[in-house]
Structures are given as structure tokens and as C-alpha cells.
Protein backbone atom coordinates (compact mmCIF):
# COMPACT_ATOMS: atom_id res chain seq x y z
CA MET A 1 -69.03 -9.60 -16.71
CA GLN A 2 -69.95 -13.19 -16.68
CA LEU A 3 -67.57 -15.95 -15.15
CA SER A 4 -67.14 -17.41 -18.70
CA SER A 5 -66.02 -14.09 -19.94
CA ILE A 6 -63.52 -13.56 -17.12
CA LEU A 7 -62.14 -17.16 -17.66
CA ALA A 8 -61.64 -16.45 -21.29
CA VAL A 9 -59.79 -13.24 -20.44
CA LEU A 10 -57.65 -14.82 -17.85
CA LEU A 11 -56.59 -17.56 -20.41
CA ALA A 12 -55.76 -15.16 -23.02
CA LEU A 13 -53.55 -13.53 -20.87
CA PHE A 14 -51.88 -16.90 -19.66
CA PHE A 15 -50.80 -17.47 -23.34
CA ILE A 16 -50.10 -13.88 -24.38
CA LEU A 17 -48.14 -12.55 -21.60
CA PRO A 18 -45.31 -15.43 -21.84
CA LEU A 19 -45.10 -14.64 -25.52
CA GLN A 20 -44.68 -10.86 -24.94
CA ALA A 21 -41.92 -11.64 -22.17
CA GLN A 22 -40.20 -13.58 -25.05
CA GLU A 23 -40.77 -11.54 -28.11
CA ASN A 24 -37.09 -10.63 -28.28
CA LEU A 25 -36.08 -14.22 -28.71
CA PRO A 26 -35.44 -15.22 -32.33
CA PHE A 27 -37.63 -18.43 -32.54
CA GLY A 28 -37.74 -19.88 -35.89
CA LYS A 29 -35.32 -17.18 -37.45
CA GLY A 30 -32.60 -19.55 -38.95
CA LYS A 31 -30.38 -22.31 -37.58
CA GLU A 32 -29.17 -21.94 -33.82
CA ILE A 33 -25.60 -20.86 -33.68
CA ILE A 34 -23.21 -22.52 -31.05
CA SER A 35 -20.59 -20.06 -29.81
CA PRO A 36 -18.13 -20.77 -28.08
CA GLU A 37 -18.14 -24.48 -28.91
CA ILE A 38 -15.41 -26.65 -27.07
CA HIS A 39 -14.24 -29.48 -28.70
CA ALA A 40 -12.87 -32.84 -27.30
CA ASP A 41 -9.28 -31.85 -27.92
CA ASN A 42 -10.05 -28.49 -26.11
CA SER A 43 -9.99 -26.47 -29.31
CA VAL A 44 -12.69 -23.83 -29.62
CA THR A 45 -14.65 -22.50 -32.41
CA PHE A 46 -16.25 -18.96 -32.07
CA ARG A 47 -18.86 -18.18 -34.53
CA LEU A 48 -20.84 -14.78 -35.24
CA ALA A 49 -23.63 -14.22 -37.72
CA ALA A 50 -22.81 -11.16 -39.66
CA PRO A 51 -23.61 -11.59 -43.39
CA ASN A 52 -23.42 -7.88 -44.12
CA ALA A 53 -19.82 -7.32 -42.30
CA SER A 54 -16.61 -6.89 -44.47
CA ASN A 55 -14.07 -8.22 -41.73
CA VAL A 56 -14.53 -9.86 -38.55
CA SER A 57 -11.91 -10.91 -36.05
CA VAL A 58 -11.78 -12.45 -32.52
CA THR A 59 -9.65 -11.24 -29.96
CA GLY A 60 -8.82 -12.80 -26.38
CA ASP A 61 -6.34 -14.20 -24.18
CA PHE A 62 -6.77 -17.60 -25.79
CA LEU A 63 -4.37 -16.30 -28.65
CA ALA A 64 -1.37 -18.20 -29.72
CA PRO A 65 2.00 -16.41 -29.47
CA GLY A 66 1.80 -15.11 -33.27
CA GLU A 67 -1.79 -14.22 -33.13
CA GLU A 68 -1.37 -12.45 -29.65
CA ALA A 69 1.32 -10.22 -31.49
CA ALA A 70 -1.22 -9.21 -33.96
CA GLY A 71 -3.80 -8.74 -31.37
CA SER A 72 -6.46 -10.74 -33.09
CA ALA A 73 -7.36 -13.67 -35.30
CA GLU A 74 -9.20 -13.34 -38.60
CA MET A 75 -12.49 -15.25 -39.02
CA THR A 76 -13.95 -16.62 -42.18
CA LYS A 77 -17.47 -16.38 -43.62
CA ASP A 78 -19.36 -19.05 -44.90
CA ALA A 79 -22.11 -19.25 -47.50
CA ASP A 80 -25.17 -18.26 -44.62
CA GLY A 81 -23.11 -15.12 -43.39
CA VAL A 82 -21.56 -17.04 -40.48
CA TRP A 83 -18.16 -16.00 -39.42
CA SER A 84 -16.03 -18.70 -37.68
CA TYR A 85 -12.54 -19.30 -36.01
CA THR A 86 -11.20 -22.49 -34.61
CA THR A 87 -8.38 -22.22 -32.18
CA HIS A 88 -5.57 -24.76 -31.29
CA PRO A 89 -6.20 -26.97 -28.41
CA LEU A 90 -6.17 -24.66 -25.37
CA PRO A 91 -4.86 -25.38 -21.81
CA SER A 92 -7.16 -25.80 -18.81
CA GLU A 93 -8.03 -21.92 -18.08
CA LEU A 94 -10.94 -19.27 -17.83
CA TYR A 95 -10.69 -17.21 -21.00
CA THR A 96 -12.08 -13.90 -22.09
CA TYR A 97 -12.78 -12.88 -25.83
CA ALA A 98 -14.69 -10.48 -28.08
CA PHE A 99 -15.56 -9.99 -31.42
CA ASN A 100 -14.38 -7.11 -33.87
CA VAL A 101 -16.85 -6.47 -36.62
CA ASP A 102 -15.67 -3.73 -39.27
CA GLY A 103 -13.65 -1.99 -36.53
CA LEU A 104 -16.38 -2.17 -33.70
CA GLN A 105 -15.64 -4.48 -30.68
CA VAL A 106 -18.83 -6.38 -29.80
CA ASN A 107 -19.62 -9.30 -27.54
CA ASP A 108 -20.76 -12.70 -28.71
CA PRO A 109 -24.48 -12.87 -28.84
CA ASN A 110 -24.83 -16.45 -28.35
CA ASN A 111 -22.76 -16.40 -24.96
CA VAL A 112 -24.71 -14.97 -22.04
CA TYR A 113 -21.53 -15.45 -19.83
CA TYR A 114 -19.44 -12.35 -19.40
CA ARG A 115 -17.47 -10.28 -17.00
CA ARG A 116 -16.91 -6.66 -16.17
CA ASP A 117 -13.30 -5.40 -16.13
CA VAL A 118 -13.25 -1.76 -15.24
CA ALA A 119 -15.35 -0.15 -18.13
CA SER A 120 -15.21 -3.22 -20.55
CA THR A 121 -17.42 -6.35 -20.75
CA LEU A 122 -15.95 -9.59 -22.17
CA ASN A 123 -17.21 -12.98 -22.84
CA VAL A 124 -15.85 -15.90 -20.86
CA LEU A 125 -15.34 -19.23 -21.36
CA LEU A 126 -13.88 -22.22 -19.26
CA ILE A 127 -11.64 -25.00 -20.52
CA GLY A 128 -11.54 -27.84 -17.64
CA GLY A 129 -9.37 -30.98 -17.05
CA GLY A 130 -6.48 -28.99 -15.26
CA GLN A 131 -5.99 -25.68 -13.42
CA ALA A 132 -9.41 -24.37 -14.38
CA ASP A 133 -11.24 -27.02 -12.42
CA LEU A 134 -10.60 -25.04 -9.32
CA TYR A 135 -12.42 -22.24 -11.09
CA LYS A 136 -15.50 -24.30 -11.51
CA VAL A 137 -18.77 -24.53 -9.60
CA ASN A 138 -18.07 -28.27 -8.56
CA ASN A 139 -20.14 -30.72 -6.48
CA VAL A 140 -18.77 -29.71 -3.01
CA PRO A 141 -19.84 -27.95 -0.14
CA HIS A 142 -20.28 -24.28 -0.90
CA GLY A 143 -19.67 -21.25 1.12
CA THR A 144 -21.84 -18.07 1.44
CA VAL A 145 -20.99 -14.68 -0.36
CA ALA A 146 -22.35 -11.47 1.13
CA LYS A 147 -22.43 -7.75 0.17
CA ARG A 148 -22.04 -5.88 3.67
CA TRP A 149 -21.91 -2.16 4.19
CA TYR A 150 -19.86 -0.54 6.94
CA GLU A 151 -19.17 2.79 8.32
CA SER A 152 -16.20 4.72 7.24
CA PRO A 153 -15.66 7.77 9.38
CA GLY A 154 -12.21 8.27 7.90
CA ASN A 155 -13.71 8.50 4.34
CA ASN A 156 -16.86 10.22 5.58
CA MET A 157 -19.23 7.52 3.89
CA THR A 158 -20.79 4.04 4.27
CA ARG A 159 -18.86 1.80 2.09
CA ARG A 160 -19.36 -1.91 0.66
CA ILE A 161 -17.36 -4.94 0.96
CA THR A 162 -17.80 -8.46 -0.29
CA VAL A 163 -17.43 -11.25 2.45
CA TYR A 164 -16.96 -14.97 1.91
CA THR A 165 -17.74 -17.35 4.59
CA PRO A 166 -16.68 -20.93 4.30
CA PRO A 167 -19.21 -23.98 3.84
CA GLY A 168 -20.65 -24.83 7.49
CA TYR A 169 -19.89 -21.28 9.05
CA GLU A 170 -23.84 -20.83 9.56
CA GLU A 171 -23.98 -23.91 11.30
CA SER A 172 -21.01 -23.82 13.55
CA GLU A 173 -20.10 -21.91 16.57
CA ASP A 174 -16.03 -22.09 15.47
CA THR A 175 -14.07 -18.90 15.01
CA TYR A 176 -12.21 -18.47 11.73
CA PRO A 177 -9.12 -16.97 10.43
CA VAL A 178 -9.59 -14.01 7.84
CA LEU A 179 -7.91 -13.44 4.54
CA TYR A 180 -8.32 -9.79 3.46
CA LEU A 181 -7.89 -9.91 -0.30
CA LEU A 182 -7.32 -6.67 -2.50
CA HIS A 183 -7.98 -5.88 -6.04
CA GLY A 184 -5.92 -3.81 -8.68
CA MET A 185 -6.42 -0.22 -10.10
CA GLY A 186 -9.75 -0.01 -11.76
CA GLY A 187 -11.25 -3.01 -9.88
CA ASP A 188 -13.62 -3.02 -6.68
CA GLU A 189 -15.05 -5.15 -4.43
CA GLU A 190 -16.51 -7.46 -7.28
CA ALA A 191 -13.16 -8.02 -8.91
CA TRP A 192 -11.93 -10.96 -6.98
CA MET A 193 -15.31 -12.78 -7.19
CA THR A 194 -16.00 -12.25 -10.95
CA LEU A 195 -12.59 -11.92 -12.55
CA GLY A 196 -10.72 -13.94 -9.76
CA ARG A 197 -13.05 -16.77 -9.03
CA ALA A 198 -12.23 -16.42 -5.34
CA SER A 199 -15.21 -18.02 -3.94
CA GLN A 200 -15.14 -21.19 -6.26
CA ILE A 201 -11.13 -21.57 -5.67
CA ALA A 202 -11.72 -21.25 -1.77
CA ASP A 203 -14.83 -23.76 -1.99
CA ASN A 204 -12.49 -26.37 -4.02
CA LEU A 205 -9.56 -26.14 -2.10
CA ILE A 206 -11.35 -26.43 1.30
CA ALA A 207 -13.16 -29.39 0.19
CA GLN A 208 -9.82 -31.24 -0.95
CA GLY A 209 -8.33 -30.48 2.37
CA LYS A 210 -5.70 -28.22 0.97
CA ALA A 211 -6.94 -24.88 2.54
CA GLU A 212 -8.06 -24.29 5.96
CA PRO A 213 -11.68 -23.08 6.08
CA MET A 214 -11.60 -19.14 6.39
CA ILE A 215 -13.28 -15.89 6.00
CA MET A 216 -12.20 -13.98 2.76
CA VAL A 217 -12.90 -9.94 3.03
CA MET A 218 -12.95 -8.11 -0.55
CA PRO A 219 -13.01 -4.53 0.17
CA ASN A 220 -13.23 -1.66 -2.51
CA GLY A 221 -9.80 -0.14 -2.48
CA ASN A 222 -11.06 3.09 -4.23
CA VAL A 223 -11.75 5.27 -1.10
CA ALA A 224 -13.53 7.76 -3.18
CA GLN A 225 -16.24 5.16 -3.90
CA GLU A 226 -18.80 3.89 -1.83
CA ALA A 227 -19.13 0.78 -3.90
CA ALA A 228 -18.69 -0.79 -7.32
CA PRO A 229 -20.15 1.19 -10.37
CA GLY A 230 -23.83 0.85 -10.45
CA GLU A 231 -24.22 -0.39 -6.65
CA SER A 232 -24.11 2.75 -4.93
CA SER A 233 -26.01 6.09 -4.44
CA LEU A 234 -24.16 7.60 -7.74
CA GLY A 235 -26.01 5.24 -9.78
CA PHE A 236 -24.99 4.13 -13.36
CA TYR A 237 -22.02 6.02 -14.27
CA LYS A 238 -19.24 4.93 -16.45
CA PRO A 239 -16.43 3.08 -14.38
CA GLN A 240 -13.10 4.95 -14.40
CA PHE A 241 -9.46 3.28 -14.12
CA GLN A 242 -7.94 5.70 -11.62
CA LEU A 243 -10.04 7.76 -8.92
CA PRO A 244 -9.20 10.47 -6.45
CA HIS A 245 -7.04 9.16 -3.57
CA THR A 246 -5.62 6.51 -5.69
CA MET A 247 -2.51 5.11 -3.73
CA ASP A 248 -2.07 8.28 -2.06
CA GLY A 249 -2.14 6.54 1.69
CA LYS A 250 -5.85 7.15 2.52
CA TYR A 251 -6.78 3.47 2.05
CA GLU A 252 -3.81 2.31 4.34
CA GLU A 253 -4.86 4.91 6.84
CA THR A 254 -8.40 3.83 7.05
CA PHE A 255 -7.87 0.07 6.61
CA HIS A 256 -8.49 -0.71 10.29
CA GLU A 257 -12.13 0.41 9.89
CA ILE A 258 -12.63 -2.55 7.74
CA ILE A 259 -11.10 -4.98 10.27
CA ARG A 260 -13.11 -3.77 13.17
CA PHE A 261 -16.38 -4.02 11.37
CA VAL A 262 -15.52 -7.67 10.45
CA ASP A 263 -14.45 -8.56 13.79
CA SER A 264 -17.62 -7.16 15.21
CA GLN A 265 -19.92 -9.01 12.77
CA TYR A 266 -18.26 -12.52 12.19
CA ARG A 267 -16.69 -15.02 14.54
CA THR A 268 -13.12 -14.22 13.75
CA ILE A 269 -9.84 -14.77 15.34
CA PRO A 270 -9.22 -11.22 16.18
CA GLU A 271 -5.43 -11.42 16.42
CA LYS A 272 -2.26 -11.58 14.20
CA THR A 273 -2.26 -15.25 13.93
CA GLY A 274 -5.53 -15.18 12.52
CA ARG A 275 -5.21 -12.61 9.68
CA ALA A 276 -3.60 -12.60 6.34
CA LEU A 277 -3.54 -9.71 3.73
CA ALA A 278 -2.85 -10.20 0.16
CA GLY A 279 -3.47 -8.27 -3.06
CA LEU A 280 -2.64 -7.95 -6.80
CA SER A 281 -0.96 -4.77 -8.28
CA MET A 282 -2.26 -1.73 -6.70
CA GLY A 283 -3.80 -4.22 -3.93
CA GLY A 284 -0.20 -5.81 -3.64
CA PHE A 285 1.20 -2.10 -3.28
CA HIS A 286 -1.75 -1.71 -0.21
CA THR A 287 -0.72 -5.16 1.08
CA LEU A 288 3.03 -4.14 1.23
CA HIS A 289 2.25 -0.85 2.98
CA ILE A 290 -0.82 -1.74 5.24
CA SER A 291 1.35 -4.55 6.57
CA ARG A 292 4.39 -2.79 7.46
CA TYR A 293 2.35 0.56 8.49
CA SER A 294 0.62 -2.04 10.98
CA PRO A 295 3.14 -4.64 11.63
CA ASP A 296 1.38 -6.35 14.48
CA THR A 297 -1.83 -6.90 12.47
CA PHE A 298 -1.18 -9.63 9.86
CA ASP A 299 0.60 -13.03 10.09
CA TYR A 300 0.51 -13.87 6.23
CA ILE A 301 1.30 -11.46 3.48
CA GLY A 302 1.22 -11.75 -0.21
CA LEU A 303 2.03 -9.49 -2.93
CA PHE A 304 0.79 -10.62 -6.32
CA SER A 305 2.34 -8.61 -9.22
CA ALA A 306 2.57 -5.76 -6.77
CA ALA A 307 3.26 -2.19 -7.39
CA ILE A 308 6.06 -1.31 -4.83
CA MET A 309 7.07 2.32 -4.25
CA PRO A 310 4.60 5.29 -3.98
CA ASN A 311 4.84 8.07 -6.48
CA LYS A 312 7.33 10.62 -5.39
CA THR A 313 4.66 13.43 -5.61
CA VAL A 314 2.58 11.69 -2.98
CA LYS A 315 3.02 12.78 0.61
CA SER A 316 1.51 10.83 3.36
CA LYS A 317 2.74 9.58 6.86
CA VAL A 318 1.96 5.87 5.33
CA TYR A 319 4.97 6.16 3.29
CA ASP A 320 7.28 7.63 5.64
CA ASN A 321 10.46 5.58 6.89
CA ILE A 322 9.48 2.61 4.66
CA ASP A 323 12.87 0.87 5.69
CA LYS A 324 12.25 1.49 9.37
CA THR A 325 8.94 0.03 9.22
CA LEU A 326 10.01 -2.92 7.22
CA ALA A 327 12.49 -3.37 9.90
CA ALA A 328 9.84 -3.36 12.43
CA GLN A 329 7.87 -5.68 10.76
CA LYS A 330 10.72 -8.21 10.36
CA ALA A 331 11.31 -7.81 14.31
CA ASN A 332 7.71 -8.38 15.00
CA GLY A 333 7.86 -11.62 13.05
CA TYR A 334 5.31 -13.23 10.79
CA ALA A 335 4.59 -16.71 9.38
CA LEU A 336 4.63 -15.88 5.43
CA TYR A 337 5.81 -13.31 3.26
CA TRP A 338 5.16 -14.34 -0.12
CA ILE A 339 6.11 -12.35 -3.60
CA ALA A 340 4.74 -13.64 -6.70
CA ILE A 341 5.06 -12.26 -10.18
CA GLY A 342 5.03 -13.01 -13.82
CA LYS A 343 8.53 -12.91 -16.00
CA GLU A 344 6.87 -10.69 -18.49
CA ASP A 345 5.13 -8.51 -16.12
CA PHE A 346 5.75 -4.62 -16.50
CA LEU A 347 6.30 -4.53 -12.60
CA SER A 348 8.95 -7.14 -12.67
CA GLN A 349 11.94 -4.93 -12.19
CA ALA A 350 10.53 -3.03 -9.43
CA ASN A 351 9.80 -6.32 -7.59
CA ILE A 352 13.41 -7.35 -8.35
CA ASP A 353 14.57 -4.01 -6.67
CA PHE A 354 12.46 -4.70 -3.65
CA ARG A 355 13.73 -8.06 -3.09
CA LYS A 356 17.19 -6.75 -3.21
CA LYS A 357 16.17 -4.28 -0.54
CA LEU A 358 14.72 -7.13 1.61
CA ASP A 359 17.94 -9.18 0.80
CA THR A 360 20.05 -6.41 2.31
CA MET A 361 17.76 -6.53 5.53
CA ASP A 362 17.78 -10.29 5.64
CA PHE A 363 14.02 -10.01 5.68
CA PRO A 364 12.75 -13.56 5.03
CA TYR A 365 10.41 -14.13 2.17
CA LEU A 366 9.29 -16.63 -0.33
CA TYR A 367 9.49 -15.82 -3.97
CA ARG A 368 7.28 -17.26 -6.82
CA GLU A 369 8.19 -16.36 -10.54
CA SER A 370 5.57 -17.66 -13.08
CA GLU A 371 5.35 -17.46 -16.92
CA GLY A 372 3.23 -14.62 -18.34
CA GLY A 373 2.62 -10.99 -17.26
CA HIS A 374 0.10 -8.66 -15.50
CA THR A 375 -2.84 -11.01 -16.04
CA TRP A 376 -5.89 -12.43 -14.11
CA ARG A 377 -4.71 -15.76 -15.31
CA ASN A 378 -1.65 -15.44 -12.94
CA TRP A 379 -3.62 -14.08 -9.99
CA ARG A 380 -6.00 -16.94 -9.87
CA ILE A 381 -2.84 -19.28 -9.86
CA TYR A 382 -1.31 -17.29 -7.21
CA LEU A 383 -4.51 -17.43 -4.99
CA SER A 384 -4.63 -20.99 -5.52
CA GLU A 385 -1.16 -21.42 -4.25
CA PHE A 386 -1.35 -18.86 -1.45
CA LEU A 387 -4.66 -20.20 0.12
CA PRO A 388 -3.00 -23.77 1.01
CA MET A 389 -0.15 -21.93 2.91
CA LEU A 390 -2.46 -20.00 5.21
CA PHE A 391 -3.02 -20.55 8.96
CA LYS A 392 -1.42 -23.96 8.97
CA THR A 393 0.32 -23.16 12.35
CA ARG A 394 -3.05 -22.58 14.42
């Protein structure tokens, strides 16, 4: 083949391949739809092109009280077949939402930003100017997030954890305290990063001088799993809300495998004063029982909307002598025992009863009661309040 022919083929490929790679993009097929559109007053307009639909609504945690009771807000269709709905002005927050089109829940095709929660994916949007500024990627020094694998002989598998190291970790020779941050039922080692915005919160609070530089370790609390769905040798399976060995003591028994791995791989402060443990819901349950089962291990304990007592049918040495081990934890001392929960949380009564138990034992703790229920909105706030209280006595 002559050189001129080769050049002609290469030029053709140069122009054709990009077009093939973008062939699914609707260039020239109608006007651009912006959704969600955040207005100057922090109201939001959602839009969806569905000209043949009979009924379209939008649901999400942005809903006003009346709409929240109904579960969704009805959208209206214009002459071009575009459905829309505009909210009232919204407080600063990270919100999730989805559309319902004639009974079928769908994501917003005009919004590429979404998060997985157990087996569902929901679009997200962020309203700044307040609390949610902590959830943004701001122009501050950033930490490093790694996905690490550790050997778990107690569970007979290699398992995955997420590890955040603070800005400057790689360049320094300093040692750092560690927060072990635990997810709830249905979550995994991805949950605090994606839904909880943990690294953004840490980056921003450290940059503001409100939190000490620290390592954050986010394990997978489902000991039946190697890793989050789609990230293990099991491949792409449908995530399940409750897995074998959920809250049966196995996680608490084998938690020291994670601590040993972290202390061997990172420049930690390998003692009680350099360790904190906190978690939400099931992770709060794990935090309560790990910390009293190993009372010389953690100086800072945080229960976020925690489940409290084990199921009566569960038999594990971890759940034996709860009052006795709490008394040992009190006697050993700790810097902080923090309990936080929303007024409308379904676990509120369990937390009231637990606090009564602690009160009868003269067991010191701090209590934080917020509005709302069992939601990521509360858990992000709790994390942003908990981090500044850690490791101040070092």
C-alpha cells in the first residue's frame, strides 16, 4: 500500500472513531434539558423529557413536609413533552432524588451524578451556602483514599477496606491517630465515602483547623463479604440488605485483624489514646459492642443512631455480660463517649433505654439529639461534629 493510501486510512479512522465513541450522544436531537437546575434562591427545578408518559412525579429527601407524607411531588408537562417540578427554597444539603414515570422509578438521564445505597441508585444534587459546604470538594489540601485488602483468618478470606490518609501524610514522617468509621446494615466499605462524604468532611475540617489530621479506616462490616458488591471475586451480583453473620458477634470478634493490619501498614499511634471508633445504625451497634468487648482499645467512641441490644436468639461470647463489660470500660476510662440520634429515628426509644442504663451506672457520656430520623443527612452532620472532638488531648 502506498504511503498516501495509508495516510488516507489513518485520517479516516481519526475522524470516524471519535464519532463512533460518541454515537449514543443525542447531538442535534432537540433542545438541551437542564436537570436539576439550582436557582439563586436555592429552589430547584427538575425536568424530564417523557412526551408519551401519562404521569410523572419526583421523589427525594428534598420534599416539604406535606409532600413527604405523600411520598412524591407531581410534575407538569409542557407543550414539548418535558415534565418539570420546582421546589421551595432548600436548606444547604446533599439531596437524593428519582423520578417515577407511569409507575416505574427511573434516574434522571440529564444528571450523571448518583450514588448507590444497597441495591438502589439515586441521583444527587448539592445546595451550598451552609452545612453542605463541608461536603464539597473545596480548594483545600486533600487527603488520599486507598482501597486495601487485608488477610482475615477469622473469616477465612481476604477482605477489603477503605483508608483515608490526611493531607501531607505521604510527605511527612509523623504518626497519626486513627478513626475506625463503621457503616450501617446494607452498606459496605464504600458507604461512608459515597453517601457520607467522609473524605470531603475530613479535608475541609482539617483545612479549617477544626479537626486534627487523622487516618480514617472504613471497613466492610458484613463478614460474609470480601468486599462491596461488584468489587470481589463474586462479580456483579445484586446487593442484599442483610447477609449471613449480620450482628451475630463475628465482626466484633475479628475486628482486631483490621487494627493489626492498619498498625502494620500505616504510621499510626498504636495505643488507646490514638484510636477512635464510631458508626451509624448497625455500625453504632458494632461500635458499642466492640468498644466494651475490647475496653483498652479505643479512647473515643461515637454511636450515631445506633442499634443497641443483640437479637435474643443470637448466641455469642461478645454479647455475654454486657453490664459487666460496660463497667470495665468505664473503669478503664476514655476521653469521649458520644451518643447522637434524631427525634424521629425508629431507634430513639432503644437509645433512651440505653442512656437510662448508663445513667444508673454513672457512666459518663455526651448526648446529641437532632431533628429528623434515620438518614444520611443526620449521619453526615454527626460526623462533622464528631471529628472536631477527637484527639484533642494528644
